[in-house]
Structure formats: C-alpha cells, structure tokens
Amino acid sequence: MALWRLFEWGRCNTQPLLAVHGWLDNAASFLGLGKYLEMFHMVAIDLPGHGWSDHRGPQAAYHLVDYVADLLDVADALGWERFGLLGHSLGAGIASVLREPFRSGLPSYF
C-alpha cells in the first residue's frame, strides 16, 4: 500500500477537487491557494516519488500516464465517484489525460 501525503481544505460535504502539482514539486505548492478555494473539498497530494509520498519500486516508471491510475486510486480511497481536477505543469497534463475518457463523469468547475 502506497503512502500518500496530502493537504485538505474546505468541508467534506462540498464538491471534491483534486489538486495535482507539477514536475519536481509537491502538494505544498497549493498551500497559498487552498484557503481561497474552501468552497470545495480540495485535496492536494504528493505524487509518487515527490514530496513525502512513497517512491515506486526499482523497475517502475514515472511517465505522465502512470500517474493517471494513481489519481484514480486516491479518488477511490477518498470515496469520490465524481471530482474536479486542478493541476499545473505535470499536474495539468495528468488531469487532461485523466479527464478525456471520463469527460461525462468529471464536473467542470472553472
């Protein structure tokens, strides 16, 4: 089981929003923004191999598409069936790849 570091803002009964950081970055990059988006239940995670999250195994890859399954795992762990995505740099790319096949299941907030 992977260890994930995350930060949370807002109340659990509001619309969920998953924030994804960029290359060589971590979830703390959303600390300044989180207080302005408390109308959502916003969660920012450290992607595997970044910040305080676990690294993958020695033979594992860290390609953009490999992170898509990680985000779905996080959403499942949080009990989220529908959630918005907020990302920058690498995080924006991951969010775009994740959103396209699930376009009807992911809400647009912005």
PDB file of N, CA and C in Angstrom:
ATOM      1  N   MET A   1       0.845  -1.184   0.000  1.00  0.00           N
ATOM      2  CA  MET A   1       0.000   0.000   0.000  1.00  0.00           C
ATOM      3  C   MET A   1       0.886   1.242   0.000  1.00  0.00           C
ATOM      4  N   ALA A   2       0.658   2.126  -0.915  1.00  0.00           N
ATOM      5  CA  ALA A   2       1.465   3.340  -1.025  1.00  0.00           C
ATOM      6  C   ALA A   2       1.102   4.344   0.060  1.00  0.00           C
ATOM      7  N   LEU A   3       2.088   5.083   0.487  1.00  0.00           N
ATOM      8  CA  LEU A   3       1.879   6.171   1.433  1.00  0.00           C
ATOM      9  C   LEU A   3       1.764   7.465   0.643  1.00  0.00           C
ATOM     10  N   TRP A   4       0.693   8.222   0.911  1.00  0.00           N
ATOM     11  CA  TRP A   4       0.454   9.491   0.226  1.00  0.00           C
ATOM     12  C   TRP A   4       0.445  10.606   1.259  1.00  0.00           C
ATOM     13  N   ARG A   5       1.147  11.694   0.969  1.00  0.00           N
ATOM     14  CA  ARG A   5       0.967  12.878   1.796  1.00  0.00           C
ATOM     15  C   ARG A   5      -0.058  13.735   1.081  1.00  0.00           C
ATOM     16  N   LEU A   6      -0.955  14.320   1.878  1.00  0.00           N
ATOM     17  CA  LEU A   6      -1.944  15.211   1.281  1.00  0.00           C
ATOM     18  C   LEU A   6      -2.268  16.359   2.212  1.00  0.00           C
ATOM     19  N   PHE A   7      -2.782  17.411   1.601  1.00  0.00           N
ATOM     20  CA  PHE A   7      -3.307  18.567   2.325  1.00  0.00           C
ATOM     21  C   PHE A   7      -4.776  18.680   1.952  1.00  0.00           C
ATOM     22  N   GLU A   8      -5.599  19.127   2.912  1.00  0.00           N
ATOM     23  CA  GLU A   8      -7.036  19.269   2.654  1.00  0.00           C
ATOM     24  C   GLU A   8      -7.524  20.658   3.055  1.00  0.00           C
ATOM     25  N   TRP A   9      -8.503  21.143   2.292  1.00  0.00           N
ATOM     26  CA  TRP A   9      -9.178  22.398   2.594  1.00  0.00           C
ATOM     27  C   TRP A   9     -10.670  22.190   2.395  1.00  0.00           C
ATOM     28  N   GLY A  10     -11.461  23.060   2.981  1.00  0.00           N
ATOM     29  CA  GLY A  10     -12.908  23.016   2.802  1.00  0.00           C
ATOM     30  C   GLY A  10     -13.551  21.938   3.639  1.00  0.00           C
ATOM     31  N   ARG A  11     -14.834  21.762   3.418  1.00  0.00           N
ATOM     32  CA  ARG A  11     -15.613  20.770   4.169  1.00  0.00           C
ATOM     33  C   ARG A  11     -15.865  19.533   3.309  1.00  0.00           C
ATOM     34  N   CYS A  12     -15.946  18.402   3.956  1.00  0.00           N
ATOM     35  CA  CYS A  12     -16.132  17.129   3.249  1.00  0.00           C
ATOM     36  C   CYS A  12     -17.464  17.053   2.503  1.00  0.00           C
ATOM     37  N   ASN A  13     -18.444  17.874   2.866  1.00  0.00           N
ATOM     38  CA  ASN A  13     -19.752  17.804   2.202  1.00  0.00           C
ATOM     39  C   ASN A  13     -19.858  18.756   1.009  1.00  0.00           C
ATOM     40  N   THR A  14     -18.735  19.344   0.585  1.00  0.00           N
ATOM     41  CA  THR A  14     -18.732  20.220  -0.590  1.00  0.00           C
ATOM     42  C   THR A  14     -18.183  19.456  -1.792  1.00  0.00           C
ATOM     43  N   GLN A  15     -18.213  20.099  -2.947  1.00  0.00           N
ATOM     44  CA  GLN A  15     -17.767  19.442  -4.178  1.00  0.00           C
ATOM     45  C   GLN A  15     -16.272  19.111  -4.094  1.00  0.00           C
ATOM     46  N   PRO A  16     -15.893  17.853  -4.406  1.00  0.00           N
ATOM     47  CA  PRO A  16     -14.494  17.457  -4.326  1.00  0.00           C
ATOM     48  C   PRO A  16     -13.655  17.991  -5.482  1.00  0.00           C
ATOM     49  N   LEU A  17     -12.432  18.365  -5.162  1.00  0.00           N
ATOM     50  CA  LEU A  17     -11.482  18.903  -6.133  1.00  0.00           C
ATOM     51  C   LEU A  17     -10.109  18.339  -5.803  1.00  0.00           C
ATOM     52  N   LEU A  18      -9.513  17.636  -6.754  1.00  0.00           N
ATOM     53  CA  LEU A  18      -8.198  17.036  -6.564  1.00  0.00           C
ATOM     54  C   LEU A  18      -7.156  17.918  -7.233  1.00  0.00           C
ATOM     55  N   ALA A  19      -6.197  18.407  -6.453  1.00  0.00           N
ATOM     56  CA  ALA A  19      -5.137  19.293  -6.952  1.00  0.00           C
ATOM     57  C   ALA A  19      -3.861  18.489  -7.160  1.00  0.00           C
ATOM     58  N   VAL A  20      -3.263  18.656  -8.337  1.00  0.00           N
ATOM     59  CA  VAL A  20      -2.096  17.864  -8.722  1.00  0.00           C
ATOM     60  C   VAL A  20      -0.951  18.805  -9.099  1.00  0.00           C
ATOM     61  N   HIS A  21       0.174  18.633  -8.435  1.00  0.00           N
ATOM     62  CA  HIS A  21       1.332  19.517  -8.617  1.00  0.00           C
ATOM     63  C   HIS A  21       2.129  19.214  -9.882  1.00  0.00           C
ATOM     64  N   GLY A  22       3.151  20.013 -10.127  1.00  0.00           N
ATOM     65  CA  GLY A  22       3.988  19.885 -11.314  1.00  0.00           C
ATOM     66  C   GLY A  22       5.271  19.097 -11.078  1.00  0.00           C
ATOM     67  N   TRP A  23       6.107  19.048 -12.121  1.00  0.00           N
ATOM     68  CA  TRP A  23       7.402  18.370 -12.075  1.00  0.00           C
ATOM     69  C   TRP A  23       8.246  18.924 -10.938  1.00  0.00           C
ATOM     70  N   LEU A  24       8.974  18.055 -10.275  1.00  0.00           N
ATOM     71  CA  LEU A  24       9.909  18.431  -9.212  1.00  0.00           C
ATOM     72  C   LEU A  24       9.254  19.323  -8.174  1.00  0.00           C
ATOM     73  N   ASP A  25       8.006  19.075  -7.887  1.00  0.00           N
ATOM     74  CA  ASP A  25       7.225  19.894  -6.970  1.00  0.00           C
ATOM     75  C   ASP A  25       6.515  18.957  -6.000  1.00  0.00           C
ATOM     76  N   ASN A  26       5.618  19.499  -5.190  1.00  0.00           N
ATOM     77  CA  ASN A  26       4.872  18.686  -4.236  1.00  0.00           C
ATOM     78  C   ASN A  26       3.571  19.383  -3.886  1.00  0.00           C
ATOM     79  N   ALA A  27       2.763  18.734  -3.078  1.00  0.00           N
ATOM     80  CA  ALA A  27       1.435  19.237  -2.733  1.00  0.00           C
ATOM     81  C   ALA A  27       1.469  20.588  -2.031  1.00  0.00           C
ATOM     82  N   ALA A  28       2.572  20.898  -1.385  1.00  0.00           N
ATOM     83  CA  ALA A  28       2.676  22.175  -0.670  1.00  0.00           C
ATOM     84  C   ALA A  28       2.586  23.374  -1.611  1.00  0.00           C
ATOM     85  N   SER A  29       2.732  23.159  -2.906  1.00  0.00           N
ATOM     86  CA  SER A  29       2.605  24.277  -3.849  1.00  0.00           C
ATOM     87  C   SER A  29       1.191  24.851  -3.865  1.00  0.00           C
ATOM     88  N   PHE A  30       0.221  24.126  -3.305  1.00  0.00           N
ATOM     89  CA  PHE A  30      -1.160  24.612  -3.249  1.00  0.00           C
ATOM     90  C   PHE A  30      -1.515  25.240  -1.900  1.00  0.00           C
ATOM     91  N   LEU A  31      -0.569  25.329  -0.979  1.00  0.00           N
ATOM     92  CA  LEU A  31      -0.878  25.875   0.348  1.00  0.00           C
ATOM     93  C   LEU A  31      -1.432  27.292   0.281  1.00  0.00           C
ATOM     94  N   GLY A  32      -0.877  28.127  -0.542  1.00  0.00           N
ATOM     95  CA  GLY A  32      -1.362  29.505  -0.649  1.00  0.00           C
ATOM     96  C   GLY A  32      -2.710  29.622  -1.338  1.00  0.00           C
ATOM     97  N   LEU A  33      -3.013  28.703  -2.220  1.00  0.00           N
ATOM     98  CA  LEU A  33      -4.255  28.745  -2.991  1.00  0.00           C
ATOM     99  C   LEU A  33      -5.426  28.102  -2.250  1.00  0.00           C
ATOM    100  N   GLY A  34      -5.140  27.087  -1.454  1.00  0.00           N
ATOM    101  CA  GLY A  34      -6.193  26.318  -0.798  1.00  0.00           C
ATOM    102  C   GLY A  34      -7.184  27.140  -0.007  1.00  0.00           C
ATOM    103  N   LYS A  35      -6.701  28.148   0.693  1.00  0.00           N
ATOM    104  CA  LYS A  35      -7.607  28.953   1.519  1.00  0.00           C
ATOM    105  C   LYS A  35      -8.608  29.750   0.686  1.00  0.00           C
ATOM    106  N   TYR A  36      -8.310  29.965  -0.597  1.00  0.00           N
ATOM    107  CA  TYR A  36      -9.221  30.696  -1.471  1.00  0.00           C
ATOM    108  C   TYR A  36     -10.240  29.790  -2.166  1.00  0.00           C
ATOM    109  N   LEU A  37     -10.051  28.495  -2.034  1.00  0.00           N
ATOM    110  CA  LEU A  37     -10.948  27.538  -2.695  1.00  0.00           C
ATOM    111  C   LEU A  37     -11.675  26.660  -1.680  1.00  0.00           C
ATOM    112  N   GLU A  38     -11.963  27.223  -0.520  1.00  0.00           N
ATOM    113  CA  GLU A  38     -12.617  26.442   0.526  1.00  0.00           C
ATOM    114  C   GLU A  38     -14.089  26.168   0.259  1.00  0.00           C
ATOM    115  N   MET A  39     -14.602  26.657  -0.887  1.00  0.00           N
ATOM    116  CA  MET A  39     -15.966  26.289  -1.270  1.00  0.00           C
ATOM    117  C   MET A  39     -15.999  24.866  -1.832  1.00  0.00           C
ATOM    118  N   PHE A  40     -14.815  24.278  -2.020  1.00  0.00           N
ATOM    119  CA  PHE A  40     -14.654  22.893  -2.454  1.00  0.00           C
ATOM    120  C   PHE A  40     -14.054  22.086  -1.315  1.00  0.00           C
ATOM    121  N   HIS A  41     -14.175  20.778  -1.396  1.00  0.00           N
ATOM    122  CA  HIS A  41     -13.364  19.897  -0.556  1.00  0.00           C
ATOM    123  C   HIS A  41     -12.133  19.591  -1.394  1.00  0.00           C
ATOM    124  N   MET A  42     -11.112  20.438  -1.249  1.00  0.00           N
ATOM    125  CA  MET A  42      -9.919  20.340  -2.076  1.00  0.00           C
ATOM    126  C   MET A  42      -8.863  19.505  -1.366  1.00  0.00           C
ATOM    127  N   VAL A  43      -8.312  18.561  -2.105  1.00  0.00           N
ATOM    128  CA  VAL A  43      -7.234  17.713  -1.614  1.00  0.00           C
ATOM    129  C   VAL A  43      -6.073  17.833  -2.596  1.00  0.00           C
ATOM    130  N   ALA A  44      -4.894  18.151  -2.077  1.00  0.00           N
ATOM    131  CA  ALA A  44      -3.667  18.185  -2.871  1.00  0.00           C
ATOM    132  C   ALA A  44      -2.778  17.043  -2.391  1.00  0.00           C
ATOM    133  N   ILE A  45      -2.289  16.243  -3.322  1.00  0.00           N
ATOM    134  CA  ILE A  45      -1.463  15.091  -2.968  1.00  0.00           C
ATOM    135  C   ILE A  45      -0.037  15.275  -3.475  1.00  0.00           C
ATOM    136  N   ASP A  46       0.894  14.586  -2.831  1.00  0.00           N
ATOM    137  CA  ASP A  46       2.233  14.416  -3.393  1.00  0.00           C
ATOM    138  C   ASP A  46       2.167  13.199  -4.306  1.00  0.00           C
ATOM    139  N   LEU A  47       2.507  13.383  -5.564  1.00  0.00           N
ATOM    140  CA  LEU A  47       2.564  12.245  -6.479  1.00  0.00           C
ATOM    141  C   LEU A  47       3.666  11.283  -6.038  1.00  0.00           C
ATOM    142  N   PRO A  48       3.578  10.011  -6.413  1.00  0.00           N
ATOM    143  CA  PRO A  48       4.634   9.067  -6.051  1.00  0.00           C
ATOM    144  C   PRO A  48       6.007   9.574  -6.494  1.00  0.00           C
ATOM    145  N   GLY A  49       6.971   9.464  -5.583  1.00  0.00           N
ATOM    146  CA  GLY A  49       8.323   9.919  -5.881  1.00  0.00           C
ATOM    147  C   GLY A  49       8.538  11.408  -5.681  1.00  0.00           C
ATOM    148  N   HIS A  50       7.522  12.116  -5.211  1.00  0.00           N
ATOM    149  CA  HIS A  50       7.605  13.557  -4.967  1.00  0.00           C
ATOM    150  C   HIS A  50       7.267  13.835  -3.508  1.00  0.00           C
ATOM    151  N   GLY A  51       7.815  14.897  -2.972  1.00  0.00           N
ATOM    152  CA  GLY A  51       7.486  15.295  -1.604  1.00  0.00           C
ATOM    153  C   GLY A  51       7.681  14.149  -0.631  1.00  0.00           C
ATOM    154  N   TRP A  52       6.667  13.908   0.195  1.00  0.00           N
ATOM    155  CA  TRP A  52       6.745  12.875   1.230  1.00  0.00           C
ATOM    156  C   TRP A  52       6.065  11.569   0.851  1.00  0.00           C
ATOM    157  N   SER A  53       5.569  11.458  -0.381  1.00  0.00           N
ATOM    158  CA  SER A  53       4.946  10.206  -0.811  1.00  0.00           C
ATOM    159  C   SER A  53       6.008   9.154  -1.104  1.00  0.00           C
ATOM    160  N   ASP A  54       5.572   7.894  -1.017  1.00  0.00           N
ATOM    161  CA  ASP A  54       6.484   6.790  -1.327  1.00  0.00           C
ATOM    162  C   ASP A  54       6.935   6.841  -2.782  1.00  0.00           C
ATOM    163  N   HIS A  55       8.109   6.270  -3.023  1.00  0.00           N
ATOM    164  CA  HIS A  55       8.586   6.072  -4.386  1.00  0.00           C
ATOM    165  C   HIS A  55       8.020   4.759  -4.906  1.00  0.00           C
ATOM    166  N   ARG A  56       8.012   4.610  -6.222  1.00  0.00           N
ATOM    167  CA  ARG A  56       7.614   3.344  -6.822  1.00  0.00           C
ATOM    168  C   ARG A  56       8.768   2.348  -6.658  1.00  0.00           C
ATOM    169  N   GLY A  57       8.519   1.100  -7.029  1.00  0.00           N
ATOM    170  CA  GLY A  57       9.569   0.092  -6.975  1.00  0.00           C
ATOM    171  C   GLY A  57      10.700   0.393  -7.952  1.00  0.00           C
ATOM    172  N   PRO A  58      11.818  -0.313  -7.837  1.00  0.00           N
ATOM    173  CA  PRO A  58      13.001  -0.008  -8.651  1.00  0.00           C
ATOM    174  C   PRO A  58      12.793  -0.160 -10.157  1.00  0.00           C
ATOM    175  N   GLN A  59      11.879  -0.999 -10.591  1.00  0.00           N
ATOM    176  CA  GLN A  59      11.637  -1.207 -12.028  1.00  0.00           C
ATOM    177  C   GLN A  59      10.464  -0.382 -12.557  1.00  0.00           C
ATOM    178  N   ALA A  60       9.852   0.402 -11.713  1.00  0.00           N
ATOM    179  CA  ALA A  60       8.642   1.148 -12.098  1.00  0.00           C
ATOM    180  C   ALA A  60       8.991   2.413 -12.879  1.00  0.00           C
ATOM    181  N   ALA A  61       7.993   2.899 -13.606  1.00  0.00           N
ATOM    182  CA  ALA A  61       8.160   4.109 -14.419  1.00  0.00           C
ATOM    183  C   ALA A  61       7.464   5.302 -13.764  1.00  0.00           C
ATOM    184  N   TYR A  62       7.901   6.476 -14.175  1.00  0.00           N
ATOM    185  CA  TYR A  62       7.296   7.727 -13.706  1.00  0.00           C
ATOM    186  C   TYR A  62       6.846   8.556 -14.904  1.00  0.00           C
ATOM    187  N   HIS A  63       6.180   7.914 -15.851  1.00  0.00           N
ATOM    188  CA  HIS A  63       5.669   8.631 -17.016  1.00  0.00           C
ATOM    189  C   HIS A  63       4.337   9.296 -16.668  1.00  0.00           C
ATOM    190  N   LEU A  64       4.004  10.309 -17.429  1.00  0.00           N
ATOM    191  CA  LEU A  64       2.767  11.051 -17.196  1.00  0.00           C
ATOM    192  C   LEU A  64       1.568  10.110 -17.085  1.00  0.00           C
ATOM    193  N   VAL A  65       1.448   9.164 -17.998  1.00  0.00           N
ATOM    194  CA  VAL A  65       0.278   8.286 -17.987  1.00  0.00           C
ATOM    195  C   VAL A  65       0.263   7.347 -16.778  1.00  0.00           C
ATOM    196  N   ASP A  66       1.417   7.087 -16.175  1.00  0.00           N
ATOM    197  CA  ASP A  66       1.459   6.223 -14.994  1.00  0.00           C
ATOM    198  C   ASP A  66       0.776   6.879 -13.798  1.00  0.00           C
ATOM    199  N   TYR A  67       0.730   8.186 -13.787  1.00  0.00           N
ATOM    200  CA  TYR A  67       0.115   8.908 -12.672  1.00  0.00           C
ATOM    201  C   TYR A  67      -1.410   8.910 -12.733  1.00  0.00           C
ATOM    202  N   VAL A  68      -1.978   8.627 -13.904  1.00  0.00           N
ATOM    203  CA  VAL A  68      -3.436   8.622 -14.036  1.00  0.00           C
ATOM    204  C   VAL A  68      -4.055   7.598 -13.085  1.00  0.00           C
ATOM    205  N   ALA A  69      -3.505   6.394 -13.069  1.00  0.00           N
ATOM    206  CA  ALA A  69      -4.021   5.358 -12.168  1.00  0.00           C
ATOM    207  C   ALA A  69      -3.848   5.773 -10.711  1.00  0.00           C
ATOM    208  N   ASP A  70      -2.764   6.491 -10.409  1.00  0.00           N
ATOM    209  CA  ASP A  70      -2.553   6.959  -9.034  1.00  0.00           C
ATOM    210  C   ASP A  70      -3.667   7.901  -8.600  1.00  0.00           C
ATOM    211  N   LEU A  71      -4.063   8.814  -9.486  1.00  0.00           N
ATOM    212  CA  LEU A  71      -5.139   9.749  -9.135  1.00  0.00           C
ATOM    213  C   LEU A  71      -6.461   9.018  -8.936  1.00  0.00           C
ATOM    214  N   LEU A  72      -6.721   8.026  -9.757  1.00  0.00           N
ATOM    215  CA  LEU A  72      -7.947   7.244  -9.586  1.00  0.00           C
ATOM    216  C   LEU A  72      -7.903   6.472  -8.262  1.00  0.00           C
ATOM    217  N   ASP A  73      -6.719   5.972  -7.884  1.00  0.00           N
ATOM    218  CA  ASP A  73      -6.574   5.287  -6.591  1.00  0.00           C
ATOM    219  C   ASP A  73      -6.851   6.237  -5.430  1.00  0.00           C
ATOM    220  N   VAL A  74      -6.359   7.465  -5.530  1.00  0.00           N
ATOM    221  CA  VAL A  74      -6.592   8.457  -4.479  1.00  0.00           C
ATOM    222  C   VAL A  74      -8.081   8.776  -4.382  1.00  0.00           C
ATOM    223  N   ALA A  75      -8.719   9.005  -5.526  1.00  0.00           N
ATOM    224  CA  ALA A  75     -10.157   9.292  -5.532  1.00  0.00           C
ATOM    225  C   ALA A  75     -10.944   8.136  -4.921  1.00  0.00           C
ATOM    226  N   ASP A  76     -10.570   6.915  -5.256  1.00  0.00           N
ATOM    227  CA  ASP A  76     -11.238   5.746  -4.668  1.00  0.00           C
ATOM    228  C   ASP A  76     -11.039   5.710  -3.158  1.00  0.00           C
ATOM    229  N   ALA A  77      -9.815   5.975  -2.704  1.00  0.00           N
ATOM    230  CA  ALA A  77      -9.523   5.961  -1.267  1.00  0.00           C
ATOM    231  C   ALA A  77     -10.323   7.028  -0.522  1.00  0.00           C
ATOM    232  N   LEU A  78     -10.592   8.147  -1.197  1.00  0.00           N
ATOM    233  CA  LEU A  78     -11.372   9.227  -0.599  1.00  0.00           C
ATOM    234  C   LEU A  78     -12.882   8.990  -0.727  1.00  0.00           C
ATOM    235  N   GLY A  79     -13.263   7.970  -1.487  1.00  0.00           N
ATOM    236  CA  GLY A  79     -14.681   7.686  -1.698  1.00  0.00           C
ATOM    237  C   GLY A  79     -15.331   8.616  -2.701  1.00  0.00           C
ATOM    238  N   TRP A  80     -14.536   9.209  -3.582  1.00  0.00           N
ATOM    239  CA  TRP A  80     -15.045  10.150  -4.574  1.00  0.00           C
ATOM    240  C   TRP A  80     -15.379   9.428  -5.868  1.00  0.00           C
ATOM    241  N   GLU A  81     -16.636   9.525  -6.309  1.00  0.00           N
ATOM    242  CA  GLU A  81     -17.025   8.995  -7.610  1.00  0.00           C
ATOM    243  C   GLU A  81     -16.929  10.082  -8.679  1.00  0.00           C
ATOM    244  N   ARG A  82     -17.212  11.321  -8.294  1.00  0.00           N
ATOM    245  CA  ARG A  82     -17.110  12.490  -9.190  1.00  0.00           C
ATOM    246  C   ARG A  82     -16.268  13.534  -8.500  1.00  0.00           C
ATOM    247  N   PHE A  83     -15.329  14.130  -9.231  1.00  0.00           N
ATOM    248  CA  PHE A  83     -14.456  15.139  -8.649  1.00  0.00           C
ATOM    249  C   PHE A  83     -13.879  16.013  -9.755  1.00  0.00           C
ATOM    250  N   GLY A  84     -13.559  17.226  -9.391  1.00  0.00           N
ATOM    251  CA  GLY A  84     -12.901  18.136 -10.309  1.00  0.00           C
ATOM    252  C   GLY A  84     -11.396  17.973 -10.200  1.00  0.00           C
ATOM    253  N   LEU A  85     -10.689  18.491 -11.191  1.00  0.00           N
ATOM    254  CA  LEU A  85      -9.233  18.411 -11.218  1.00  0.00           C
ATOM    255  C   LEU A  85      -8.637  19.798 -11.375  1.00  0.00           C
ATOM    256  N   LEU A  86      -7.581  20.051 -10.634  1.00  0.00           N
ATOM    257  CA  LEU A  86      -6.832  21.300 -10.713  1.00  0.00           C
ATOM    258  C   LEU A  86      -5.373  20.915 -10.770  1.00  0.00           C
ATOM    259  N   GLY A  87      -4.663  21.348 -11.801  1.00  0.00           N
ATOM    260  CA  GLY A  87      -3.255  20.981 -11.910  1.00  0.00           C
ATOM    261  C   GLY A  87      -2.438  22.067 -12.568  1.00  0.00           C
ATOM    262  N   HIS A  88      -1.130  22.011 -12.315  1.00  0.00           N
ATOM    263  CA  HIS A  88      -0.209  22.892 -13.031  1.00  0.00           C
ATOM    264  C   HIS A  88       0.976  22.059 -13.497  1.00  0.00           C
ATOM    265  N   SER A  89       1.555  22.450 -14.633  1.00  0.00           N
ATOM    266  CA  SER A  89       2.702  21.761 -15.205  1.00  0.00           C
ATOM    267  C   SER A  89       2.357  20.283 -15.403  1.00  0.00           C
ATOM    268  N   LEU A  90       3.124  19.389 -14.850  1.00  0.00           N
ATOM    269  CA  LEU A  90       2.845  17.955 -14.968  1.00  0.00           C
ATOM    270  C   LEU A  90       1.425  17.639 -14.512  1.00  0.00           C
ATOM    271  N   GLY A  91       0.989  18.259 -13.431  1.00  0.00           N
ATOM    272  CA  GLY A  91      -0.349  18.002 -12.903  1.00  0.00           C
ATOM    273  C   GLY A  91      -1.446  18.350 -13.893  1.00  0.00           C
ATOM    274  N   ALA A  92      -1.258  19.415 -14.664  1.00  0.00           N
ATOM    275  CA  ALA A  92      -2.243  19.788 -15.678  1.00  0.00           C
ATOM    276  C   ALA A  92      -2.278  18.746 -16.794  1.00  0.00           C
ATOM    277  N   GLY A  93      -1.113  18.230 -17.157  1.00  0.00           N
ATOM    278  CA  GLY A  93      -1.060  17.181 -18.175  1.00  0.00           C
ATOM    279  C   GLY A  93      -1.756  15.911 -17.718  1.00  0.00           C
ATOM    280  N   ILE A  94      -1.495  15.514 -16.481  1.00  0.00           N
ATOM    281  CA  ILE A  94      -2.137  14.322 -15.929  1.00  0.00           C
ATOM    282  C   ILE A  94      -3.649  14.521 -15.886  1.00  0.00           C
ATOM    283  N   ALA A  95      -4.075  15.692 -15.425  1.00  0.00           N
ATOM    284  CA  ALA A  95      -5.507  15.991 -15.338  1.00  0.00           C
ATOM    285  C   ALA A  95      -6.166  15.931 -16.715  1.00  0.00           C
ATOM    286  N   SER A  96      -5.475  16.425 -17.732  1.00  0.00           N
ATOM    287  CA  SER A  96      -6.024  16.393 -19.097  1.00  0.00           C
ATOM    288  C   SER A  96      -6.169  14.967 -19.599  1.00  0.00           C
ATOM    289  N   VAL A  97      -5.164  14.142 -19.352  1.00  0.00           N
ATOM    290  CA  VAL A  97      -5.223  12.749 -19.797  1.00  0.00           C
ATOM    291  C   VAL A  97      -6.331  12.002 -19.038  1.00  0.00           C
ATOM    292  N   LEU A  98      -6.452  12.263 -17.754  1.00  0.00           N
ATOM    293  CA  LEU A  98      -7.482  11.606 -16.950  1.00  0.00           C
ATOM    294  C   LEU A  98      -8.873  12.058 -17.359  1.00  0.00           C
ATOM    295  N   ARG A  99      -9.041  13.317 -17.606  1.00  0.00           N
ATOM    296  CA  ARG A  99     -10.374  13.861 -17.868  1.00  0.00           C
ATOM    297  C   ARG A  99     -10.970  13.378 -19.179  1.00  0.00           C
ATOM    298  N   GLU A 100     -10.187  13.242 -20.208  1.00  0.00           N
ATOM    299  CA  GLU A 100     -10.743  12.976 -21.534  1.00  0.00           C
ATOM    300  C   GLU A 100     -11.616  11.720 -21.601  1.00  0.00           C
ATOM    301  N   PRO A 101     -11.159  10.556 -21.180  1.00  0.00           N
ATOM    302  CA  PRO A 101     -12.036   9.386 -21.293  1.00  0.00           C
ATOM    303  C   PRO A 101     -13.210   9.392 -20.315  1.00  0.00           C
ATOM    304  N   PHE A 102     -13.122  10.238 -19.286  1.00  0.00           N
ATOM    305  CA  PHE A 102     -14.171  10.298 -18.272  1.00  0.00           C
ATOM    306  C   PHE A 102     -14.923  11.622 -18.330  1.00  0.00           C
ATOM    307  N   ARG A 103     -14.904  12.262 -19.477  1.00  0.00           N
ATOM    308  CA  ARG A 103     -15.446  13.620 -19.608  1.00  0.00           C
ATOM    309  C   ARG A 103     -16.833  13.754 -19.009  1.00  0.00           C
ATOM    310  N   SER A 104     -17.700  12.789 -19.205  1.00  0.00           N
ATOM    311  CA  SER A 104     -19.062  12.917 -18.687  1.00  0.00           C
ATOM    312  C   SER A 104     -19.137  12.691 -17.171  1.00  0.00           C
ATOM    313  N   GLY A 105     -18.116  12.051 -16.595  1.00  0.00           N
ATOM    314  CA  GLY A 105     -18.156  11.756 -15.164  1.00  0.00           C
ATOM    315  C   GLY A 105     -17.419  12.754 -14.296  1.00  0.00           C
ATOM    316  N   LEU A 106     -16.678  13.684 -14.905  1.00  0.00           N
ATOM    317  CA  LEU A 106     -15.934  14.672 -14.140  1.00  0.00           C
ATOM    318  C   LEU A 106     -16.558  16.042 -14.348  1.00  0.00           C
ATOM    319  N   PRO A 107     -16.936  16.709 -13.270  1.00  0.00           N
ATOM    320  CA  PRO A 107     -17.566  18.015 -13.411  1.00  0.00           C
ATOM    321  C   PRO A 107     -16.550  19.088 -13.800  1.00  0.00           C
ATOM    322  N   SER A 108     -17.025  20.149 -14.417  1.00  0.00           N
ATOM    323  CA  SER A 108     -16.198  21.306 -14.726  1.00  0.00           C
ATOM    324  C   SER A 108     -16.594  22.429 -13.784  1.00  0.00           C
ATOM    325  N   TYR A 109     -15.653  22.912 -12.992  1.00  0.00           N
ATOM    326  CA  TYR A 109     -15.920  23.982 -12.050  1.00  0.00           C
ATOM    327  C   TYR A 109     -15.486  25.335 -12.566  1.00  0.00           C
ATOM    328  N   PHE A 110     -14.495  25.350 -13.427  1.00  0.00           N
ATOM    329  CA  PHE A 110     -13.921  26.628 -13.865  1.00  0.00           C
ATOM    330  C   PHE A 110     -14.048  26.782 -15.359  1.00  0.00           C
TER     331      PHE A 110
END
